[in-house]
Amino acid sequence: MPSAIGLDIAPDGIRLLAVEMVGGELRVTAAREQRGPTDDADALANTLSQLRHAAGLSRPVVLGLPSNAAILTTVSPLVVHAGRAELGVAFELQQQLPFALSDTAWHYRWLRAAAQAQGNGAAPGAREAVAVAMRRPLLDSRLAACRRAGIEIVAVLPAPVAAYNAWRARYGGRGGAVILRAIDDRSAEFILATETRWEVAAVTDEQGAGSGALTEAVGASWEALRAQYPDMPSAVWLLAPPSAMDAWRAALTARGAGPIEPFEPLRVVKLPAGARIDAPERWASAVGLAVQAAGAADAPVNLLAQEQRRRQERRVTRAASWISASCLVLALGIAAQGMLAAYRRQFSVLRALDQQERAYQALRPEVRGMLQHQQDVERRVARLERLAQGAAEVPQLVALIATALPPRVWLTKIELGRDDRTQATIDGRARTFQELTDFIDRLKASHGIAAVKPLSTDVVPDPENGKESVSFSIQVHMPADIPEPSPVVVPKETQ
C-alpha cells in the first residue's frame, strides 16, 4: 500500500507523519517536524516548502489545522426528508456561527447513536450531527500556502477531530471519551466525543501566571462541563507533557473525575526499530491525520468535501456534456452520411434520367420520322383493309340501285366512297319529278339500302330532243350486312 501522509499545522510548528498499512497495522515510514511560525501565510509557505524538500514529499496529504481555526459543535436538526437533511444541518449550524454560512467551509457527520436509532438517515425526526466550520478566507489562505509550497491537499480537518481519530484507532472499543489535550504552556482544551455529543472547550491561562493558573483553569472547566453535560463520561484521557500530567490528574481527581489515564498516541502506529520521537503528546493530531489518510478513521471529517463534491459534479457534468456532444456529433455524422448516400443515389438516378433524356433528344427527329411513317403505313393498311372489305359490296350496291331504277329514270354517274364502299353518290335524270320520287321510294323500300339522302335536284333541257328533264343527285348507304341482291333485270326501255 502507498504511504498515507498526515500534515499537522500546529501553533509552534508543522509535523509530518507518513504511514502504510502492513498486515493490519500502521507502520511509520517517515516522521518530520519543522519548527517555526504558522500564523503568517508567507512564513507558513516557507516552512512547508522546507519540510517538503526535507521529507521528499510527493504525495497528497491530509491537512490538520489548529483548534482555534475552526468551530466544532453538535447540532440537532429536524429532518423531515432524508434528501434534505443537509439543509436542516445548515440551518442549525448557522444559528451557532458568528459569520454567514455562505462565507464558510463546513462539513458534518451523523453521530453513532443517531445513526443506530434511525437507521441510514432515511427516517425523519431529530438527530445529532457533529459539524465543523471554518471561515473560507482563512481556509483559502492555508491552502494557498500549501500550493505555493508544492503540496497537494486531499482533506482538511481541525486538530481535535484528528486527536479523536487517533484515540478511536487506539481505544476504539471503549465508547465515548473526554480528552484533555495540551496545546502549549498557556492553553489546553477538553475534547468531549461521545455517541450523542461532540464539543471542544478551550482552557486558557489568562493571567499568564504559570502552570498553576492553567491547572486551576482545567479544574474549573471540568466542573463547568459536568454541570452542562451531567451524562458525560467521568474518565479523562490526558494528552499532556509529563510536567503537567501529575498536577492535572490531581486537579481533576479532586473534582470527581476518574479514572485518569494517559493517552499515548504513538501506540497507534508502529515505529521503525530504534526510532524515537520526542514529546509524543504533540504528535496526536499528526497520528490522527495519518489514520484518516490511510482510510482507518472512525470519524472522518473533511472541510473540502463540499468543494470536492462540487468539483466532481462539474467533472461529471463536463464529461456528460462531452459525451452528449460526441453522441450528437456521431448522430449528425450518421445522419449526414445517410443524407449523402441518399443524395448520391438520387444524383445517380438524375444522371441516368439526364442521359436518357439526352439520348431521347438525339434520337427524337429519327424516332418522330419513324413514328410518322408508321402512322402513314397504318392508315394505308387500314384503307386497303376497308377497300378489301368493300370490294364484295360494290356489285351488290350497283345491283340494288339497278333493281330500284324506274323505266323513265336513267343514271349518268355512280361514285363510290373513297374509303367506305358501302355508300355511293348517284347522278342521273328523270323525265318528271314524280318518276324521281318513285325512284327514291323504291330505293328506300329496298332491303339492301339503309339510308337515302337527296342531295340536289334541277330542271334542265334535254340536249337530244330539247324537252325539259329533272337532273338529280342522291346519296345512298348500305347496311353492314348486305343481303344478297335479286337478279338484275334490265328494263327493255333501258336496253
Protein backbone atom coordinates (compact mmCIF):
# COMPACT_ATOMS: atom_id res chain seq x y z
CA MET A 1 0.00 0.00 0.00
CA PRO A 2 1.37 3.51 -0.78
CA SER A 3 2.17 5.78 2.15
CA ALA A 4 -0.67 7.75 3.76
CA ILE A 5 0.51 11.14 4.98
CA GLY A 6 -0.83 13.41 7.69
CA LEU A 7 0.41 17.01 7.91
CA ASP A 8 -0.39 18.81 11.16
CA ILE A 9 -0.09 22.61 11.30
CA ALA A 10 0.26 23.46 15.00
CA PRO A 11 0.86 26.88 16.55
CA ASP A 12 4.51 26.03 17.25
CA GLY A 13 5.39 24.24 14.02
CA ILE A 14 4.49 21.61 11.43
CA ARG A 15 4.62 17.83 11.90
CA LEU A 16 4.50 15.27 9.09
CA LEU A 17 3.79 11.59 9.65
CA ALA A 18 3.70 9.02 6.84
CA VAL A 19 2.36 5.52 7.45
CA GLU A 20 1.50 2.44 5.46
CA MET A 21 -0.84 -0.45 6.24
CA VAL A 22 1.08 -3.73 6.61
CA GLY A 23 -0.62 -6.82 8.00
CA GLY A 24 -3.45 -4.83 9.58
CA GLU A 25 -1.16 -2.37 11.43
CA LEU A 26 0.05 1.11 10.55
CA ARG A 27 3.80 1.33 10.21
CA VAL A 28 5.57 4.67 10.22
CA THR A 29 7.66 5.28 7.12
CA ALA A 30 8.57 8.91 7.80
CA ALA A 31 8.23 11.41 10.65
CA ARG A 32 9.38 15.03 10.28
CA GLU A 33 8.96 18.12 12.45
CA GLN A 34 9.68 21.65 11.27
CA ARG A 35 9.51 24.27 13.99
CA GLY A 36 8.54 27.78 13.02
CA PRO A 37 5.69 30.31 12.92
CA THR A 38 2.48 29.24 11.22
CA ASP A 39 0.22 32.29 11.65
CA ASP A 40 1.67 34.29 8.76
CA ALA A 41 0.91 32.97 5.25
CA ASP A 42 4.37 33.70 3.85
CA ALA A 43 6.13 32.16 6.83
CA LEU A 44 3.85 29.12 6.65
CA ALA A 45 4.57 28.64 2.92
CA ASN A 46 8.29 28.88 3.61
CA THR A 47 8.11 26.36 6.46
CA LEU A 48 6.02 23.97 4.39
CA SER A 49 8.45 24.23 1.47
CA GLN A 50 11.39 23.40 3.75
CA LEU A 51 9.52 20.41 5.17
CA ARG A 52 8.54 19.15 1.72
CA HIS A 53 12.14 19.22 0.50
CA ALA A 54 13.47 17.65 3.69
CA ALA A 55 10.94 14.80 3.60
CA GLY A 56 10.94 14.39 -0.20
CA LEU A 57 7.16 14.79 -0.13
CA SER A 58 5.43 13.99 -3.44
CA ARG A 59 2.06 12.50 -2.47
CA PRO A 60 -1.20 14.23 -1.44
CA VAL A 61 -1.66 14.75 2.31
CA VAL A 62 -4.45 15.15 4.87
CA LEU A 63 -4.02 18.57 6.46
CA GLY A 64 -4.74 19.38 10.11
CA LEU A 65 -5.37 22.93 11.38
CA PRO A 66 -5.16 24.35 14.90
CA SER A 67 -8.22 24.21 17.15
CA ASN A 68 -8.75 27.99 17.06
CA ALA A 69 -9.01 27.96 13.26
CA ALA A 70 -12.31 26.02 13.18
CA ILE A 71 -15.53 25.66 15.12
CA LEU A 72 -16.67 22.18 16.20
CA THR A 73 -20.19 21.79 17.55
CA THR A 74 -23.13 19.39 17.81
CA VAL A 75 -26.44 20.24 16.11
CA SER A 76 -29.83 18.53 16.33
CA PRO A 77 -31.64 19.31 13.06
CA LEU A 78 -35.27 18.46 12.49
CA VAL A 79 -35.12 16.36 9.32
CA VAL A 80 -38.43 15.90 7.52
CA HIS A 81 -36.99 14.38 4.36
CA ALA A 82 -33.74 12.43 4.15
CA GLY A 83 -32.80 14.04 0.86
CA ARG A 84 -32.88 17.49 2.53
CA ALA A 85 -31.01 16.58 5.70
CA GLU A 86 -28.11 18.84 4.74
CA LEU A 87 -30.46 21.85 4.69
CA GLY A 88 -31.53 21.06 8.28
CA VAL A 89 -27.92 20.80 9.43
CA ALA A 90 -27.05 24.04 7.63
CA PHE A 91 -29.93 25.87 9.32
CA GLU A 92 -28.99 24.69 12.81
CA LEU A 93 -25.29 25.36 12.20
CA GLN A 94 -25.98 28.93 11.09
CA GLN A 95 -27.59 29.62 14.46
CA GLN A 96 -24.27 28.88 16.18
CA LEU A 97 -21.91 30.68 13.80
CA PRO A 98 -20.82 34.31 14.28
CA PHE A 99 -20.49 34.71 10.50
CA ALA A 100 -22.56 33.86 7.42
CA LEU A 101 -22.76 30.26 6.32
CA SER A 102 -22.24 31.31 2.69
CA ASP A 103 -18.76 32.51 3.72
CA THR A 104 -17.99 29.21 5.45
CA ALA A 105 -16.41 25.89 4.56
CA TRP A 106 -18.18 23.25 6.62
CA HIS A 107 -18.80 19.53 6.87
CA TYR A 108 -20.86 17.26 9.10
CA ARG A 109 -21.41 13.63 10.00
CA TRP A 110 -24.14 11.89 11.93
CA LEU A 111 -23.21 10.63 15.37
CA ARG A 112 -23.29 6.90 16.04
CA ALA A 113 -26.31 6.96 18.42
CA ALA A 114 -28.45 8.87 15.94
CA ALA A 115 -27.43 6.58 13.11
CA GLN A 116 -28.24 3.46 15.11
CA ALA A 117 -31.57 4.88 16.34
CA GLN A 118 -32.78 5.99 12.92
CA GLY A 119 -31.09 3.61 10.51
CA ASN A 120 -29.34 5.04 7.50
CA GLY A 121 -30.75 8.54 7.81
CA ALA A 122 -33.90 7.92 5.80
CA ALA A 123 -36.28 8.18 8.76
CA PRO A 124 -37.47 11.72 9.61
CA GLY A 125 -37.05 13.27 13.05
CA ALA A 126 -34.47 14.97 15.21
CA ARG A 127 -30.96 13.53 15.45
CA GLU A 128 -27.50 14.68 16.39
CA ALA A 129 -24.74 15.55 13.99
CA VAL A 130 -21.27 16.89 14.60
CA ALA A 131 -20.46 19.87 12.39
CA VAL A 132 -17.10 21.51 11.70
CA ALA A 133 -17.00 25.01 10.22
CA MET A 134 -14.23 27.38 9.21
CA ARG A 135 -14.18 30.80 7.58
CA ARG A 136 -13.46 30.28 3.91
CA PRO A 137 -10.85 33.08 3.54
CA LEU A 138 -8.81 31.55 6.38
CA LEU A 139 -9.01 28.10 4.79
CA ASP A 140 -8.14 29.51 1.36
CA SER A 141 -5.04 31.21 2.79
CA ARG A 142 -3.84 27.90 4.30
CA LEU A 143 -4.50 26.04 1.06
CA ALA A 144 -2.74 28.77 -0.95
CA ALA A 145 0.32 28.40 1.28
CA CYS A 146 0.32 24.65 0.67
CA ARG A 147 0.04 25.18 -3.08
CA ARG A 148 2.92 27.66 -3.01
CA ALA A 149 4.99 25.01 -1.22
CA GLY A 150 4.02 22.40 -3.84
CA ILE A 151 1.88 20.27 -1.52
CA GLU A 152 -1.40 18.73 -2.69
CA ILE A 153 -4.21 18.56 -0.10
CA VAL A 154 -6.98 15.92 -0.23
CA ALA A 155 -8.68 16.62 3.12
CA VAL A 156 -8.70 19.25 5.87
CA LEU A 157 -9.87 18.81 9.48
CA PRO A 158 -9.21 20.50 12.82
CA ALA A 159 -6.78 19.14 15.41
CA PRO A 160 -9.47 17.98 17.93
CA VAL A 161 -11.05 15.67 15.36
CA ALA A 162 -7.61 14.36 14.37
CA ALA A 163 -6.79 13.67 18.04
CA TYR A 164 -10.10 11.82 18.44
CA ASN A 165 -9.30 9.74 15.31
CA ALA A 166 -6.05 8.68 16.98
CA TRP A 167 -7.89 7.85 20.24
CA ARG A 168 -10.51 5.76 18.36
CA ALA A 169 -7.78 3.91 16.49
CA ARG A 170 -6.15 3.02 19.84
CA TYR A 171 -9.16 2.55 22.16
CA GLY A 172 -11.99 2.00 19.68
CA GLY A 173 -13.97 -0.43 21.85
CA ARG A 174 -14.42 1.81 24.90
CA GLY A 175 -17.24 4.08 23.62
CA GLY A 176 -17.02 7.85 24.11
CA ALA A 177 -14.13 9.80 25.51
CA VAL A 178 -13.16 13.01 27.29
CA ILE A 179 -9.67 14.01 26.21
CA LEU A 180 -7.74 16.79 27.90
CA ARG A 181 -5.20 17.96 25.35
CA ALA A 182 -2.38 20.38 25.99
CA ILE A 183 -1.84 22.93 23.22
CA ASP A 184 1.03 24.98 24.66
CA ASP A 185 2.21 26.26 28.06
CA ARG A 186 -0.75 28.62 28.46
CA SER A 187 -3.66 26.76 26.79
CA ALA A 188 -5.35 23.39 26.64
CA GLU A 189 -8.72 22.00 25.57
CA PHE A 190 -11.26 19.40 26.58
CA ILE A 191 -12.44 17.20 23.69
CA LEU A 192 -15.81 15.69 24.54
CA ALA A 193 -16.69 13.00 21.97
CA THR A 194 -19.50 10.60 22.77
CA GLU A 195 -22.15 8.82 20.74
CA THR A 196 -24.58 11.73 21.28
CA ARG A 197 -22.40 14.84 21.50
CA TRP A 198 -19.13 16.38 20.38
CA GLU A 199 -17.84 19.56 21.96
CA VAL A 200 -14.49 21.32 22.37
CA ALA A 201 -13.96 23.51 25.43
CA ALA A 202 -10.91 25.74 25.43
CA VAL A 203 -8.92 26.21 28.65
CA THR A 204 -6.66 29.30 28.84
CA ASP A 205 -4.36 30.76 31.45
CA GLU A 206 -5.50 34.35 31.02
CA GLN A 207 -3.28 35.82 33.77
CA GLY A 208 -0.13 34.13 32.45
CA ALA A 209 0.92 33.24 35.95
CA GLY A 210 2.35 29.83 35.02
CA SER A 211 1.25 26.22 35.13
CA GLY A 212 -0.54 26.59 38.43
CA ALA A 213 -3.07 29.01 36.98
CA LEU A 214 -3.62 26.74 33.97
CA THR A 215 -4.20 23.80 36.31
CA GLU A 216 -6.87 25.77 38.20
CA ALA A 217 -8.49 26.67 34.87
CA VAL A 218 -8.52 22.98 33.92
CA GLY A 219 -10.36 22.10 37.14
CA ALA A 220 -12.85 24.92 36.71
CA SER A 221 -13.54 23.91 33.09
CA TRP A 222 -14.16 20.33 34.19
CA GLU A 223 -16.73 21.46 36.74
CA ALA A 224 -18.46 23.59 34.12
CA LEU A 225 -18.64 20.69 31.67
CA ARG A 226 -20.05 18.36 34.33
CA ALA A 227 -22.72 20.92 35.17
CA GLN A 228 -23.63 21.39 31.50
CA TYR A 229 -23.47 17.72 30.48
CA PRO A 230 -24.23 15.54 33.53
CA ASP A 231 -24.24 12.35 31.45
CA MET A 232 -20.76 12.78 30.02
CA PRO A 233 -18.12 10.14 30.89
CA SER A 234 -16.16 10.72 34.09
CA ALA A 235 -13.00 9.12 32.72
CA VAL A 236 -10.44 11.53 31.33
CA TRP A 237 -7.57 10.79 28.94
CA LEU A 238 -4.62 13.08 29.43
CA LEU A 239 -2.66 14.21 26.42
CA ALA A 240 -0.12 16.44 28.12
CA PRO A 241 3.61 16.76 28.78
CA PRO A 242 4.96 14.94 31.86
CA SER A 243 5.48 18.26 33.67
CA ALA A 244 1.73 18.94 33.73
CA MET A 245 0.46 15.37 33.97
CA ASP A 246 0.54 14.98 37.80
CA ALA A 247 -0.87 18.41 38.51
CA TRP A 248 -3.77 17.96 36.08
CA ARG A 249 -4.51 14.50 37.42
CA ALA A 250 -4.70 15.83 40.95
CA ALA A 251 -6.94 18.75 39.97
CA LEU A 252 -9.39 16.51 38.09
CA THR A 253 -9.44 13.81 40.77
CA ALA A 254 -10.22 16.43 43.40
CA ARG A 255 -13.30 17.43 41.40
CA GLY A 256 -14.69 13.90 41.00
CA ALA A 257 -13.12 12.88 37.68
CA GLY A 258 -11.76 9.43 37.28
CA PRO A 259 -10.19 7.26 36.27
CA ILE A 260 -7.46 9.47 34.79
CA GLU A 261 -5.38 7.70 32.19
CA PRO A 262 -2.58 8.91 29.93
CA PHE A 263 -3.22 8.93 26.18
CA GLU A 264 -0.19 7.70 24.23
CA PRO A 265 -0.87 8.44 20.53
CA LEU A 266 2.29 6.78 19.20
CA ARG A 267 0.97 3.41 20.33
CA VAL A 268 -1.50 3.66 17.42
CA VAL A 269 1.37 3.20 14.94
CA LYS A 270 4.49 1.06 14.86
CA LEU A 271 7.77 2.90 14.75
CA PRO A 272 10.78 1.50 12.92
CA ALA A 273 13.26 -0.40 15.03
CA GLY A 274 15.43 2.02 17.03
CA ALA A 275 13.36 5.06 16.11
CA ARG A 276 12.38 7.54 18.82
CA ILE A 277 10.08 10.56 18.76
CA ASP A 278 10.37 13.24 21.44
CA ALA A 279 7.29 14.81 23.08
CA PRO A 280 4.84 12.18 21.76
CA GLU A 281 1.83 14.17 23.07
CA ARG A 282 2.47 16.77 20.35
CA TRP A 283 2.03 14.09 17.65
CA ALA A 284 -1.56 13.07 18.45
CA SER A 285 -3.03 15.23 15.64
CA ALA A 286 -0.46 14.01 13.10
CA VAL A 287 -1.25 10.40 14.04
CA GLY A 288 -5.00 11.02 13.63
CA LEU A 289 -4.43 12.70 10.25
CA ALA A 290 -2.33 9.74 9.04
CA VAL A 291 -5.04 7.34 10.27
CA GLN A 292 -7.66 9.21 8.19
CA ALA A 293 -5.31 9.35 5.19
CA ALA A 294 -4.98 5.53 5.44
CA GLY A 295 -8.77 5.15 5.50
CA ALA A 296 -8.86 3.77 9.04
CA ALA A 297 -10.54 6.77 10.75
CA ASP A 298 -13.77 6.11 12.64
CA ALA A 299 -14.91 9.75 12.37
CA PRO A 300 -13.68 11.16 9.04
CA VAL A 301 -14.36 14.88 8.62
CA ASN A 302 -13.25 16.89 5.63
CA LEU A 303 -13.75 20.64 5.19
CA LEU A 304 -13.01 20.21 1.48
CA ALA A 305 -15.79 17.65 1.00
CA GLN A 306 -18.33 20.12 -0.42
CA GLU A 307 -15.83 21.69 -2.80
CA GLN A 308 -14.59 18.26 -3.88
CA ARG A 309 -18.17 17.13 -4.41
CA ARG A 310 -18.93 20.23 -6.50
CA ARG A 311 -15.71 19.67 -8.43
CA GLN A 312 -16.67 16.05 -9.02
CA GLU A 313 -20.15 17.13 -10.13
CA ARG A 314 -18.59 19.62 -12.53
CA ARG A 315 -16.31 16.91 -13.88
CA VAL A 316 -19.25 14.55 -14.28
CA THR A 317 -21.31 17.30 -15.88
CA ARG A 318 -18.42 18.20 -18.17
CA ALA A 319 -17.89 14.53 -19.06
CA ALA A 320 -21.63 14.11 -19.65
CA SER A 321 -21.59 17.23 -21.83
CA TRP A 322 -18.65 15.87 -23.82
CA ILE A 323 -20.34 12.50 -24.16
CA SER A 324 -23.61 14.17 -25.19
CA ALA A 325 -21.75 16.36 -27.66
CA SER A 326 -19.88 13.34 -29.01
CA CYS A 327 -23.13 11.41 -29.35
CA LEU A 328 -24.70 14.41 -31.07
CA VAL A 329 -21.75 14.72 -33.44
CA LEU A 330 -21.90 10.97 -34.08
CA ALA A 331 -25.64 11.16 -34.73
CA LEU A 332 -25.13 14.14 -37.03
CA GLY A 333 -22.34 12.27 -38.79
CA ILE A 334 -24.53 9.21 -39.28
CA ALA A 335 -27.41 11.39 -40.46
CA ALA A 336 -25.10 13.30 -42.79
CA GLN A 337 -23.70 10.02 -44.11
CA GLY A 338 -27.23 8.74 -44.72
CA MET A 339 -28.23 12.01 -46.39
CA LEU A 340 -25.07 11.89 -48.51
CA ALA A 341 -25.81 8.31 -49.53
CA ALA A 342 -29.41 9.27 -50.41
CA TYR A 343 -28.12 12.30 -52.31
CA ARG A 344 -25.69 10.10 -54.22
CA ARG A 345 -28.46 7.67 -55.12
CA GLN A 346 -30.71 10.50 -56.25
CA PHE A 347 -27.85 12.07 -58.17
CA SER A 348 -27.14 8.79 -59.95
CA VAL A 349 -30.84 8.42 -60.80
CA LEU A 350 -30.99 12.01 -62.08
CA ARG A 351 -27.82 11.47 -64.09
CA ALA A 352 -29.30 8.32 -65.64
CA LEU A 353 -32.52 10.19 -66.44
CA ASP A 354 -30.49 13.04 -67.91
CA GLN A 355 -28.57 10.60 -70.09
CA GLN A 356 -31.83 9.03 -71.21
CA GLU A 357 -33.24 12.46 -72.00
CA ARG A 358 -30.14 13.38 -73.97
CA ALA A 359 -30.40 10.11 -75.90
CA TYR A 360 -34.08 10.76 -76.49
CA GLN A 361 -33.37 14.29 -77.70
CA ALA A 362 -30.68 12.95 -80.02
CA LEU A 363 -33.00 10.25 -81.41
CA ARG A 364 -36.15 12.37 -81.37
CA PRO A 365 -36.15 13.52 -85.08
CA GLU A 366 -35.42 9.99 -86.31
CA VAL A 367 -38.00 8.47 -83.97
CA ARG A 368 -40.56 11.09 -84.96
CA GLY A 369 -39.97 10.31 -88.65
CA MET A 370 -40.29 6.59 -87.97
CA LEU A 371 -43.48 7.15 -85.97
CA GLN A 372 -44.91 9.32 -88.76
CA HIS A 373 -44.01 6.68 -91.32
CA GLN A 374 -45.59 4.03 -89.11
CA GLN A 375 -48.78 6.06 -88.82
CA ASP A 376 -48.90 6.52 -92.63
CA VAL A 377 -48.38 2.82 -93.15
CA GLU A 378 -51.10 2.02 -90.60
CA ARG A 379 -53.51 4.41 -92.35
CA ARG A 380 -52.76 2.87 -95.70
CA VAL A 381 -53.16 -0.61 -94.34
CA ALA A 382 -56.47 0.36 -92.74
CA ARG A 383 -57.64 1.90 -96.05
CA LEU A 384 -56.65 -1.17 -98.00
CA GLU A 385 -58.43 -3.33 -95.40
CA ARG A 386 -61.57 -1.23 -95.84
CA LEU A 387 -61.23 -1.40 -99.62
CA ALA A 388 -60.74 -5.15 -99.42
CA GLN A 389 -63.79 -5.47 -97.17
CA GLY A 390 -65.89 -3.31 -99.56
CA ALA A 391 -64.74 -5.00 -102.75
CA ALA A 392 -67.60 -7.53 -102.49
CA GLU A 393 -70.13 -4.82 -101.63
CA VAL A 394 -69.74 -2.76 -104.80
CA PRO A 395 -71.54 -5.21 -107.13
CA GLN A 396 -74.28 -5.64 -104.56
CA LEU A 397 -74.77 -1.86 -104.30
CA VAL A 398 -74.92 -1.48 -108.07
CA ALA A 399 -77.38 -4.37 -108.33
CA LEU A 400 -79.67 -2.84 -105.67
CA ILE A 401 -79.63 0.53 -107.43
CA ALA A 402 -80.34 -1.10 -110.80
CA THR A 403 -83.21 -3.12 -109.30
CA ALA A 404 -84.90 0.01 -107.93
CA LEU A 405 -84.38 2.03 -111.15
CA PRO A 406 -87.77 3.04 -112.85
CA PRO A 407 -88.16 2.85 -116.63
CA ARG A 408 -88.03 6.62 -117.21
CA VAL A 409 -85.11 7.33 -114.96
CA TRP A 410 -81.58 6.83 -116.09
CA LEU A 411 -78.26 7.20 -114.43
CA THR A 412 -75.30 9.25 -115.55
CA LYS A 413 -72.77 8.51 -112.76
CA ILE A 414 -72.29 6.35 -109.72
CA GLU A 415 -69.45 7.48 -107.47
CA LEU A 416 -68.45 5.19 -104.60
CA GLY A 417 -66.97 6.48 -101.34
CA ARG A 418 -63.24 6.78 -101.28
CA ASP A 419 -62.73 4.78 -98.10
CA ASP A 420 -66.20 3.47 -97.40
CA ARG A 421 -67.60 1.27 -100.20
CA THR A 422 -70.99 0.98 -98.50
CA GLN A 423 -72.05 4.43 -99.70
CA ALA A 424 -72.38 5.93 -103.16
CA THR A 425 -73.46 9.14 -104.84
CA ILE A 426 -75.85 8.65 -107.79
CA ASP A 427 -76.22 11.29 -110.51
CA GLY A 428 -78.94 10.90 -113.17
CA ARG A 429 -82.03 12.25 -114.89
CA ALA A 430 -85.72 11.67 -114.70
CA ARG A 431 -88.49 12.73 -117.01
CA THR A 432 -90.56 14.13 -114.17
CA PHE A 433 -90.40 14.76 -110.51
CA GLN A 434 -92.94 12.02 -109.99
CA GLU A 435 -90.65 9.48 -111.53
CA LEU A 436 -87.75 10.78 -109.43
CA THR A 437 -89.88 10.45 -106.32
CA ASP A 438 -90.83 6.93 -107.36
CA PHE A 439 -87.14 6.08 -107.73
CA ILE A 440 -86.31 7.43 -104.29
CA ASP A 441 -89.21 5.49 -102.73
CA ARG A 442 -88.03 2.29 -104.41
CA LEU A 443 -84.53 2.83 -103.02
CA LYS A 444 -85.91 3.38 -99.54
CA ALA A 445 -88.07 0.29 -99.80
CA SER A 446 -85.14 -1.84 -100.85
CA HIS A 447 -83.89 -4.14 -98.05
CA GLY A 448 -80.28 -3.58 -99.07
CA ILE A 449 -80.40 0.21 -98.75
CA ALA A 450 -80.05 1.60 -95.22
CA ALA A 451 -80.47 5.33 -95.99
CA VAL A 452 -81.33 7.55 -98.98
CA LYS A 453 -80.47 11.22 -98.93
CA PRO A 454 -81.38 13.55 -101.85
CA LEU A 455 -78.56 15.97 -102.45
CA SER A 456 -79.84 18.14 -105.29
CA THR A 457 -82.49 18.39 -107.99
CA ASP A 458 -82.58 20.66 -111.03
CA VAL A 459 -84.74 21.05 -114.17
CA VAL A 460 -82.56 21.13 -117.27
CA PRO A 461 -83.35 20.81 -121.01
CA ASP A 462 -82.65 17.52 -122.73
CA PRO A 463 -79.88 18.11 -125.33
CA GLU A 464 -81.24 15.40 -127.64
CA ASN A 465 -84.90 16.42 -128.00
CA GLY A 466 -84.95 19.79 -126.30
CA LYS A 467 -87.50 18.74 -123.70
CA GLU A 468 -87.04 19.51 -120.03
CA SER A 469 -85.92 16.79 -117.61
CA VAL A 470 -85.02 16.62 -113.92
CA SER A 471 -81.32 16.30 -113.05
CA PHE A 472 -80.73 14.87 -109.57
CA SER A 473 -78.02 13.73 -107.19
CA ILE A 474 -78.75 11.18 -104.45
CA GLN A 475 -76.57 9.62 -101.71
CA VAL A 476 -77.34 6.07 -100.62
CA HIS A 477 -75.91 3.95 -97.73
CA MET A 478 -75.82 0.20 -97.44
CA PRO A 479 -76.07 -1.56 -94.02
CA ALA A 480 -73.17 -3.57 -92.55
CA ASP A 481 -74.79 -6.85 -93.51
CA ILE A 482 -75.97 -6.61 -97.12
CA PRO A 483 -78.49 -9.17 -98.25
CA GLU A 484 -77.92 -10.99 -101.44
CA PRO A 485 -79.35 -8.86 -104.29
CA SER A 486 -82.04 -10.06 -106.56
CA PRO A 487 -81.07 -10.85 -110.12
CA VAL A 488 -80.71 -7.68 -112.08
CA VAL A 489 -83.44 -7.25 -114.66
CA VAL A 490 -82.70 -4.54 -117.08
CA PRO A 491 -85.89 -2.93 -118.44
CA LYS A 492 -86.33 -3.11 -122.07
CA GLU A 493 -86.61 0.60 -122.37
CA THR A 494 -83.16 0.93 -120.87
CA GLN A 495 -81.85 -1.64 -123.24
